[in-house]
Amino acid sequence: MEDMVAESVKYTILGMGVVFLFLYTLVLLLRLQKNLIARYKPESCSVPVDHKRAAEMEHEELKRRKKVAAMMAAIHHHKKRQGQ
C-alpha cells in the first residue's frame, strides 16, 4: 500500500513539473515575441484628428439611433395592438 502511495506522489510531482516547465517555456516565448514585435514594428504615424468631422459623425450616429429606436417602438406598439 505504501508503494502505491509513493508511486502516486512521484507521478503527481512529475506531472506538475511537466506542466510547470511547459507554462514557463510558454511565458518565455511570449516575452521573446513581445520584444521582437516592439523592436521591428513600424512607428505609428499620428493622424491629425478633425474634431469638426468627428462631431458630425457622432451627430449622424445619434440621429440614426433615434430613428432605429422610433422604428422599434412603432413595431412594438403594432404587435401589442395586434394581440388585443
Protein backbone atom coordinates (compact mmCIF):
# COMPACT_ATOMS: atom_id res chain seq x y z
CA MET A 1 0.00 0.00 0.00
CA GLU A 2 2.83 2.42 0.83
CA ASP A 3 4.38 1.54 -2.50
CA MET A 4 1.27 2.73 -4.36
CA VAL A 5 1.13 5.99 -2.36
CA ALA A 6 4.79 6.71 -3.06
CA GLU A 7 4.31 5.98 -6.74
CA SER A 8 1.23 8.25 -6.93
CA VAL A 9 3.17 11.06 -5.23
CA LYS A 10 6.02 10.54 -7.69
CA TYR A 11 3.69 10.75 -10.70
CA THR A 12 1.91 13.77 -9.24
CA ILE A 13 5.18 15.64 -8.81
CA LEU A 14 6.35 14.58 -12.26
CA GLY A 15 3.10 15.71 -13.89
CA MET A 16 3.08 19.04 -12.11
CA GLY A 17 6.71 19.57 -13.05
CA VAL A 18 5.99 18.95 -16.72
CA VAL A 19 3.09 21.39 -16.66
CA PHE A 20 5.20 24.00 -14.86
CA LEU A 21 8.02 23.66 -17.40
CA PHE A 22 5.57 23.93 -20.30
CA LEU A 23 3.96 27.08 -18.89
CA TYR A 24 7.35 28.63 -18.09
CA THR A 25 8.53 27.95 -21.64
CA LEU A 26 5.32 29.50 -22.97
CA VAL A 27 5.89 32.65 -20.90
CA LEU A 28 9.46 32.93 -22.17
CA LEU A 29 8.35 32.55 -25.79
CA LEU A 30 5.64 35.17 -25.38
CA ARG A 31 8.13 37.62 -23.86
CA LEU A 32 10.50 36.97 -26.75
CA GLN A 33 7.68 37.59 -29.21
CA LYS A 34 6.77 40.84 -27.43
CA ASN A 35 10.36 42.06 -27.63
CA LEU A 36 10.67 41.16 -31.31
CA ILE A 37 7.43 42.92 -32.19
CA ALA A 38 8.44 46.00 -30.20
CA ARG A 39 11.78 46.11 -31.99
CA TYR A 40 10.59 45.64 -35.56
CA LYS A 41 7.12 47.17 -35.69
CA PRO A 42 6.82 50.30 -37.81
CA GLU A 43 6.45 53.54 -35.95
CA SER A 44 2.86 54.62 -35.73
CA CYS A 45 2.22 57.82 -37.61
CA SER A 46 0.00 60.29 -35.85
CA VAL A 47 -3.04 61.27 -37.87
CA PRO A 48 -4.46 64.69 -37.10
CA VAL A 49 -7.93 64.47 -35.66
CA ASP A 50 -10.59 66.56 -37.33
CA HIS A 51 -12.78 67.43 -34.36
CA LYS A 52 -15.46 69.00 -36.53
CA ARG A 53 -15.76 65.85 -38.65
CA ALA A 54 -15.76 63.66 -35.52
CA ALA A 55 -18.59 65.74 -34.06
CA GLU A 56 -20.54 65.44 -37.33
CA MET A 57 -20.15 61.66 -37.34
CA GLU A 58 -21.26 61.50 -33.72
CA HIS A 59 -24.33 63.59 -34.53
CA GLU A 60 -25.19 61.36 -37.51
CA GLU A 61 -24.85 58.26 -35.33
CA LEU A 62 -27.15 59.79 -32.73
CA LYS A 63 -29.75 60.58 -35.42
CA ARG A 64 -29.51 57.01 -36.75
CA ARG A 65 -30.00 55.56 -33.30
CA LYS A 66 -33.04 57.75 -32.69
CA LYS A 67 -34.58 56.55 -35.96
CA VAL A 68 -33.95 52.91 -35.03
CA ALA A 69 -35.49 53.48 -31.59
CA ALA A 70 -38.58 55.07 -33.16
CA MET A 71 -38.95 52.15 -35.59
CA MET A 72 -38.61 49.61 -32.79
CA ALA A 73 -41.20 51.45 -30.70
CA ALA A 74 -43.62 51.53 -33.65
CA ILE A 75 -43.16 47.79 -34.29
CA HIS A 76 -43.65 47.01 -30.59
CA HIS A 77 -46.80 49.16 -30.46
CA HIS A 78 -48.17 47.49 -33.62
CA LYS A 79 -47.52 43.98 -32.27
CA LYS A 80 -49.07 44.88 -28.93
CA ARG A 81 -52.13 46.28 -30.67
CA GLN A 82 -52.46 43.16 -32.87
CA GLY A 83 -52.51 40.97 -29.76
CA GLN A 84 -55.60 42.67 -28.29
